[in-house]
């Protein structure tokens, strides 16, 4: 076991409907080190999912991992912020997560829509380099996710792949100018306990 300085980020791909037949809402957190490796730390996914449930999970991951950014599609961000602030006024998240839950909306980064590029091409363009360079790390508990990546785009639901592409978009590595040898002076980076036995290259 050794300690690895990282920046952490959370991304949220929201289902298009709350119905049980809908696609998935996926919330995931990843970390980047100074070599720009992307480590997926956790993935939460639910069919549809109600707004309060996904806001609570996003809050939990952001605060647990001290994520610098919560990324979501720009066309979803305003509704999320409006409802989140309403829920805060009702005291919904303060009791469970404390006053720090008020900071979640300030960490939101709006991720632009596809533009002229197709969704499939955008995902491949953004993820292929990190996969080919063996810079994507997954816990062995997420072996199912590695399988989805391997067969993309021939997957029934690609919401977890969408979330990973969002993580890659928002993830910025700690600067190489930081004190990489000791990290005592690194005040902004989280420190990840990395165990090569439980984490694996994809």
C-alpha atoms as a PDB file:
ATOM      1  CA  UNK A   1       0.000   0.000   0.000  1.00  0.00           C
ATOM      2  CA  UNK A   2       1.239   3.479  -0.802  1.00  0.00           C
ATOM      3  CA  UNK A   3      -0.243   6.962  -0.872  1.00  0.00           C
ATOM      4  CA  UNK A   4      -0.921   8.670  -4.164  1.00  0.00           C
ATOM      5  CA  UNK A   5      -1.774  12.412  -4.459  1.00  0.00           C
ATOM      6  CA  UNK A   6      -4.810  12.936  -6.643  1.00  0.00           C
ATOM      7  CA  UNK A   7      -7.543  15.346  -7.594  1.00  0.00           C
ATOM      8  CA  UNK A   8     -11.037  13.862  -7.360  1.00  0.00           C
ATOM      9  CA  UNK A   9     -14.075  14.535  -9.546  1.00  0.00           C
ATOM     10  CA  UNK A  10     -17.677  13.335  -9.632  1.00  0.00           C
ATOM     11  CA  UNK A  11     -19.822  13.051 -12.770  1.00  0.00           C
ATOM     12  CA  UNK A  12     -23.548  12.486 -13.070  1.00  0.00           C
ATOM     13  CA  UNK A  13     -25.435  11.180 -16.113  1.00  0.00           C
ATOM     14  CA  UNK A  14     -29.129  11.680 -15.376  1.00  0.00           C
ATOM     15  CA  UNK A  15     -31.766   9.317 -16.792  1.00  0.00           C
ATOM     16  CA  UNK A  16     -34.125  10.821 -19.341  1.00  0.00           C
ATOM     17  CA  UNK A  17     -37.123   9.554 -17.356  1.00  0.00           C
ATOM     18  CA  UNK A  18     -37.964   8.383 -13.851  1.00  0.00           C
ATOM     19  CA  UNK A  19     -39.948   5.396 -15.184  1.00  0.00           C
ATOM     20  CA  UNK A  20     -38.755   1.863 -14.462  1.00  0.00           C
ATOM     21  CA  UNK A  21     -38.377   1.292 -18.201  1.00  0.00           C
ATOM     22  CA  UNK A  22     -36.071   4.284 -18.532  1.00  0.00           C
ATOM     23  CA  UNK A  23     -32.329   4.297 -18.910  1.00  0.00           C
ATOM     24  CA  UNK A  24     -30.045   4.587 -15.892  1.00  0.00           C
ATOM     25  CA  UNK A  25     -28.941   7.482 -13.774  1.00  0.00           C
ATOM     26  CA  UNK A  26     -25.224   6.937 -13.161  1.00  0.00           C
ATOM     27  CA  UNK A  27     -23.074   8.815 -10.656  1.00  0.00           C
ATOM     28  CA  UNK A  28     -19.385   8.057 -10.496  1.00  0.00           C
ATOM     29  CA  UNK A  29     -16.266   9.443  -8.886  1.00  0.00           C
ATOM     30  CA  UNK A  30     -12.770   9.268 -10.294  1.00  0.00           C
ATOM     31  CA  UNK A  31      -9.326  10.533  -9.446  1.00  0.00           C
ATOM     32  CA  UNK A  32      -6.397  11.757 -11.517  1.00  0.00           C
ATOM     33  CA  UNK A  33      -2.747  11.733 -10.563  1.00  0.00           C
ATOM     34  CA  UNK A  34      -0.002  13.977 -11.919  1.00  0.00           C
ATOM     35  CA  UNK A  35       0.595  11.557 -14.806  1.00  0.00           C
ATOM     36  CA  UNK A  36      -3.042  12.004 -15.857  1.00  0.00           C
ATOM     37  CA  UNK A  37      -4.066   8.434 -15.048  1.00  0.00           C
ATOM     38  CA  UNK A  38      -7.811   8.187 -14.479  1.00  0.00           C
ATOM     39  CA  UNK A  39      -8.875   5.979 -11.565  1.00  0.00           C
ATOM     40  CA  UNK A  40     -12.558   5.123 -11.204  1.00  0.00           C
ATOM     41  CA  UNK A  41     -13.301   4.896  -7.501  1.00  0.00           C
ATOM     42  CA  UNK A  42     -17.035   4.227  -7.360  1.00  0.00           C
ATOM     43  CA  UNK A  43     -20.080   3.896  -9.611  1.00  0.00           C
ATOM     44  CA  UNK A  44     -23.715   4.158  -8.499  1.00  0.00           C
ATOM     45  CA  UNK A  45     -26.464   3.382 -11.022  1.00  0.00           C
ATOM     46  CA  UNK A  46     -30.237   3.151 -10.771  1.00  0.00           C
ATOM     47  CA  UNK A  47     -33.002   2.710 -13.321  1.00  0.00           C
ATOM     48  CA  UNK A  48     -34.607   6.117 -13.701  1.00  0.00           C
ATOM     49  CA  UNK A  49     -34.110   7.213 -10.036  1.00  0.00           C
ATOM     50  CA  UNK A  50     -36.009   9.999  -8.362  1.00  0.00           C
ATOM     51  CA  UNK A  51     -34.462  13.483  -8.055  1.00  0.00           C
ATOM     52  CA  UNK A  52     -34.031  13.438  -4.275  1.00  0.00           C
ATOM     53  CA  UNK A  53     -32.344  10.027  -4.343  1.00  0.00           C
ATOM     54  CA  UNK A  54     -29.806  11.062  -6.976  1.00  0.00           C
ATOM     55  CA  UNK A  55     -29.136  14.428  -5.325  1.00  0.00           C
ATOM     56  CA  UNK A  56     -28.416  12.649  -2.048  1.00  0.00           C
ATOM     57  CA  UNK A  57     -26.050  10.196  -3.748  1.00  0.00           C
ATOM     58  CA  UNK A  58     -24.242  12.960  -5.620  1.00  0.00           C
ATOM     59  CA  UNK A  59     -23.826  14.829  -2.328  1.00  0.00           C
ATOM     60  CA  UNK A  60     -22.498  11.731  -0.586  1.00  0.00           C
ATOM     61  CA  UNK A  61     -19.881  11.035  -3.254  1.00  0.00           C
ATOM     62  CA  UNK A  62     -18.781  14.665  -3.614  1.00  0.00           C
ATOM     63  CA  UNK A  63     -18.284  15.088   0.129  1.00  0.00           C
ATOM     64  CA  UNK A  64     -16.904  11.609   0.813  1.00  0.00           C
ATOM     65  CA  UNK A  65     -14.223  11.912  -1.872  1.00  0.00           C
ATOM     66  CA  UNK A  66     -13.876  15.702  -1.564  1.00  0.00           C
ATOM     67  CA  UNK A  67     -14.490  16.092  -5.288  1.00  0.00           C
ATOM     68  CA  UNK A  68     -13.389  19.381  -6.776  1.00  0.00           C
ATOM     69  CA  UNK A  69     -16.087  19.262  -9.464  1.00  0.00           C
ATOM     70  CA  UNK A  70     -19.540  17.737  -9.930  1.00  0.00           C
ATOM     71  CA  UNK A  71     -20.012  17.496 -13.688  1.00  0.00           C
ATOM     72  CA  UNK A  72     -23.347  17.122 -15.469  1.00  0.00           C
ATOM     73  CA  UNK A  73     -24.829  17.977 -18.852  1.00  0.00           C
ATOM     74  CA  UNK A  74     -25.525  21.677 -19.216  1.00  0.00           C
ATOM     75  CA  UNK A  75     -29.198  21.095 -20.053  1.00  0.00           C
ATOM     76  CA  UNK A  76     -29.637  19.325 -16.684  1.00  0.00           C
ATOM     77  CA  UNK A  77     -27.650  21.654 -14.455  1.00  0.00           C
ATOM     78  CA  UNK A  78     -30.161  24.460 -13.870  1.00  0.00           C
ATOM     79  CA  UNK A  79     -32.973  22.112 -12.832  1.00  0.00           C
ATOM     80  CA  UNK A  80     -30.564  20.295 -10.497  1.00  0.00           C
ATOM     81  CA  UNK A  81     -29.387  23.552  -8.891  1.00  0.00           C
ATOM     82  CA  UNK A  82     -32.917  24.921  -8.467  1.00  0.00           C
ATOM     83  CA  UNK A  83     -34.193  21.772  -6.805  1.00  0.00           C
ATOM     84  CA  UNK A  84     -31.049  21.276  -4.726  1.00  0.00           C
ATOM     85  CA  UNK A  85     -31.289  24.785  -3.282  1.00  0.00           C
ATOM     86  CA  UNK A  86     -34.985  24.221  -2.551  1.00  0.00           C
ATOM     87  CA  UNK A  87     -34.141  21.004  -0.717  1.00  0.00           C
ATOM     88  CA  UNK A  88     -31.422  22.770   1.270  1.00  0.00           C
ATOM     89  CA  UNK A  89     -33.947  25.356   2.444  1.00  0.00           C
ATOM     90  CA  UNK A  90     -36.060  22.477   3.727  1.00  0.00           C
ATOM     91  CA  UNK A  91     -33.029  21.130   5.566  1.00  0.00           C
ATOM     92  CA  UNK A  92     -33.041  17.882   3.574  1.00  0.00           C
ATOM     93  CA  UNK A  93     -29.265  17.375   3.224  1.00  0.00           C
ATOM     94  CA  UNK A  94     -27.971  19.424   6.151  1.00  0.00           C
ATOM     95  CA  UNK A  95     -28.999  16.845   8.745  1.00  0.00           C
ATOM     96  CA  UNK A  96     -27.420  13.918   6.894  1.00  0.00           C
ATOM     97  CA  UNK A  97     -24.323  15.542   5.376  1.00  0.00           C
ATOM     98  CA  UNK A  98     -23.794  18.706   7.433  1.00  0.00           C
ATOM     99  CA  UNK A  99     -23.262  22.309   6.408  1.00  0.00           C
ATOM    100  CA  UNK A 100     -20.700  21.291   3.777  1.00  0.00           C
ATOM    101  CA  UNK A 101     -23.592  20.076   1.605  1.00  0.00           C
ATOM    102  CA  UNK A 102     -24.228  23.745   0.789  1.00  0.00           C
ATOM    103  CA  UNK A 103     -20.991  23.745  -1.213  1.00  0.00           C
ATOM    104  CA  UNK A 104     -22.150  21.099  -3.701  1.00  0.00           C
ATOM    105  CA  UNK A 105     -23.894  23.514  -6.088  1.00  0.00           C
ATOM    106  CA  UNK A 106     -20.741  25.639  -6.211  1.00  0.00           C
ATOM    107  CA  UNK A 107     -18.784  22.649  -7.530  1.00  0.00           C
ATOM    108  CA  UNK A 108     -21.079  22.030 -10.507  1.00  0.00           C
ATOM    109  CA  UNK A 109     -19.498  22.220 -13.941  1.00  0.00           C
ATOM    110  CA  UNK A 110     -21.802  22.281 -16.945  1.00  0.00           C
ATOM    111  CA  UNK A 111     -20.677  19.860 -19.631  1.00  0.00           C
ATOM    112  CA  UNK A 112     -21.593  21.021 -23.158  1.00  0.00           C
ATOM    113  CA  UNK A 113     -23.780  18.886 -25.376  1.00  0.00           C
ATOM    114  CA  UNK A 114     -22.403  17.025 -28.362  1.00  0.00           C
ATOM    115  CA  UNK A 115     -22.595  19.855 -30.910  1.00  0.00           C
ATOM    116  CA  UNK A 116     -21.966  18.649 -34.446  1.00  0.00           C
ATOM    117  CA  UNK A 117     -20.095  15.535 -33.327  1.00  0.00           C
ATOM    118  CA  UNK A 118     -22.105  12.367 -32.752  1.00  0.00           C
ATOM    119  CA  UNK A 119     -22.291  11.023 -29.211  1.00  0.00           C
ATOM    120  CA  UNK A 120     -20.527   7.800 -30.248  1.00  0.00           C
ATOM    121  CA  UNK A 121     -17.643   9.637 -31.925  1.00  0.00           C
ATOM    122  CA  UNK A 122     -17.222  12.008 -28.993  1.00  0.00           C
ATOM    123  CA  UNK A 123     -17.038   9.145 -26.499  1.00  0.00           C
ATOM    124  CA  UNK A 124     -14.535   7.212 -28.595  1.00  0.00           C
ATOM    125  CA  UNK A 125     -12.380  10.289 -29.222  1.00  0.00           C
ATOM    126  CA  UNK A 126     -12.237  11.123 -25.538  1.00  0.00           C
ATOM    127  CA  UNK A 127     -11.843   7.642 -24.047  1.00  0.00           C
ATOM    128  CA  UNK A 128      -9.786   5.760 -26.645  1.00  0.00           C
ATOM    129  CA  UNK A 129      -6.492   7.527 -25.796  1.00  0.00           C
ATOM    130  CA  UNK A 130      -6.761   6.865 -22.056  1.00  0.00           C
ATOM    131  CA  UNK A 131      -7.653   3.203 -22.670  1.00  0.00           C
ATOM    132  CA  UNK A 132      -4.949   2.607 -25.287  1.00  0.00           C
ATOM    133  CA  UNK A 133      -2.293   4.167 -23.055  1.00  0.00           C
ATOM    134  CA  UNK A 134      -3.313   1.927 -20.112  1.00  0.00           C
ATOM    135  CA  UNK A 135      -4.132   5.055 -18.120  1.00  0.00           C
ATOM    136  CA  UNK A 136      -7.572   3.898 -16.968  1.00  0.00           C
ATOM    137  CA  UNK A 137      -7.601   2.100 -13.613  1.00  0.00           C
ATOM    138  CA  UNK A 138     -10.604   0.180 -12.281  1.00  0.00           C
ATOM    139  CA  UNK A 139     -11.161  -1.669  -9.005  1.00  0.00           C
ATOM    140  CA  UNK A 140     -11.695  -5.369  -9.552  1.00  0.00           C
ATOM    141  CA  UNK A 141     -15.190  -4.879  -8.133  1.00  0.00           C
ATOM    142  CA  UNK A 142     -16.003  -2.956 -11.341  1.00  0.00           C
ATOM    143  CA  UNK A 143     -15.096  -5.789 -13.700  1.00  0.00           C
ATOM    144  CA  UNK A 144     -18.607  -5.544 -15.166  1.00  0.00           C
ATOM    145  CA  UNK A 145     -17.793  -1.987 -16.190  1.00  0.00           C
ATOM    146  CA  UNK A 146     -14.612  -3.123 -17.937  1.00  0.00           C
ATOM    147  CA  UNK A 147     -16.764  -5.581 -19.900  1.00  0.00           C
ATOM    148  CA  UNK A 148     -19.082  -2.747 -20.988  1.00  0.00           C
ATOM    149  CA  UNK A 149     -16.112  -0.679 -22.109  1.00  0.00           C
ATOM    150  CA  UNK A 150     -14.723  -3.603 -24.105  1.00  0.00           C
ATOM    151  CA  UNK A 151     -17.901  -4.096 -26.141  1.00  0.00           C
ATOM    152  CA  UNK A 152     -18.939  -0.451 -26.555  1.00  0.00           C
ATOM    153  CA  UNK A 153     -20.957   0.613 -28.531  1.00  0.00           C
ATOM    154  CA  UNK A 154     -22.679  -2.799 -28.591  1.00  0.00           C
ATOM    155  CA  UNK A 155     -24.203  -2.319 -25.131  1.00  0.00           C
ATOM    156  CA  UNK A 156     -27.883  -2.171 -24.205  1.00  0.00           C
ATOM    157  CA  UNK A 157     -27.378   0.839 -21.934  1.00  0.00           C
ATOM    158  CA  UNK A 158     -24.368   3.099 -22.294  1.00  0.00           C
ATOM    159  CA  UNK A 159     -25.112   5.455 -19.395  1.00  0.00           C
ATOM    160  CA  UNK A 160     -22.065   4.303 -17.407  1.00  0.00           C
ATOM    161  CA  UNK A 161     -19.877   4.935 -20.467  1.00  0.00           C
ATOM    162  CA  UNK A 162     -21.424   8.419 -20.719  1.00  0.00           C
ATOM    163  CA  UNK A 163     -20.483   9.034 -17.090  1.00  0.00           C
ATOM    164  CA  UNK A 164     -16.893   7.920 -17.720  1.00  0.00           C
ATOM    165  CA  UNK A 165     -16.644  10.248 -20.707  1.00  0.00           C
ATOM    166  CA  UNK A 166     -17.851  13.093 -18.467  1.00  0.00           C
ATOM    167  CA  UNK A 167     -15.188  12.214 -15.881  1.00  0.00           C
ATOM    168  CA  UNK A 168     -12.526  12.352 -18.569  1.00  0.00           C
ATOM    169  CA  UNK A 169     -13.829  15.754 -19.689  1.00  0.00           C
ATOM    170  CA  UNK A 170     -13.727  17.376 -16.246  1.00  0.00           C
ATOM    171  CA  UNK A 171     -10.667  15.595 -14.824  1.00  0.00           C
ATOM    172  CA  UNK A 172      -7.544  17.737 -14.491  1.00  0.00           C
ATOM    173  CA  UNK A 173      -4.391  16.210 -12.980  1.00  0.00           C
ATOM    174  CA  UNK A 174      -2.453  17.798 -10.119  1.00  0.00           C
ATOM    175  CA  UNK A 175       0.334  19.966 -11.457  1.00  0.00           C
ATOM    176  CA  UNK A 176       3.727  18.346 -11.948  1.00  0.00           C
ATOM    177  CA  UNK A 177       5.135  21.412 -10.198  1.00  0.00           C
ATOM    178  CA  UNK A 178       3.718  20.179  -6.895  1.00  0.00           C
ATOM    179  CA  UNK A 179       5.990  18.515  -4.379  1.00  0.00           C
ATOM    180  CA  UNK A 180       5.652  15.054  -5.931  1.00  0.00           C
ATOM    181  CA  UNK A 181       8.322  13.480  -3.747  1.00  0.00           C
ATOM    182  CA  UNK A 182       6.782  14.242  -0.369  1.00  0.00           C
ATOM    183  CA  UNK A 183       3.455  16.013  -0.911  1.00  0.00           C
ATOM    184  CA  UNK A 184       3.720  17.804   2.425  1.00  0.00           C
ATOM    185  CA  UNK A 185       3.136  21.096   0.622  1.00  0.00           C
ATOM    186  CA  UNK A 186       0.218  19.768  -1.434  1.00  0.00           C
ATOM    187  CA  UNK A 187      -2.801  21.269   0.277  1.00  0.00           C
ATOM    188  CA  UNK A 188      -5.389  20.974  -2.503  1.00  0.00           C
ATOM    189  CA  UNK A 189      -4.969  17.367  -3.597  1.00  0.00           C
ATOM    190  CA  UNK A 190      -6.692  14.474  -1.906  1.00  0.00           C
ATOM    191  CA  UNK A 191      -4.509  11.505  -1.075  1.00  0.00           C
ATOM    192  CA  UNK A 192      -5.630   8.100  -2.302  1.00  0.00           C
ATOM    193  CA  UNK A 193      -4.496   4.925  -0.592  1.00  0.00           C
ATOM    194  CA  UNK A 194      -3.684   2.826  -3.642  1.00  0.00           C
ATOM    195  CA  UNK A 195      -3.403  -0.925  -3.299  1.00  0.00           C
ATOM    196  CA  UNK A 196      -2.137  -2.656  -6.465  1.00  0.00           C
ATOM    197  CA  UNK A 197      -3.828  -5.870  -5.361  1.00  0.00           C
ATOM    198  CA  UNK A 198      -7.341  -4.409  -5.347  1.00  0.00           C
ATOM    199  CA  UNK A 199      -6.922  -2.002  -8.266  1.00  0.00           C
ATOM    200  CA  UNK A 200      -6.117  -3.128 -11.775  1.00  0.00           C
ATOM    201  CA  UNK A 201      -5.271  -1.778 -15.187  1.00  0.00           C
ATOM    202  CA  UNK A 202      -8.047  -1.971 -17.722  1.00  0.00           C
END
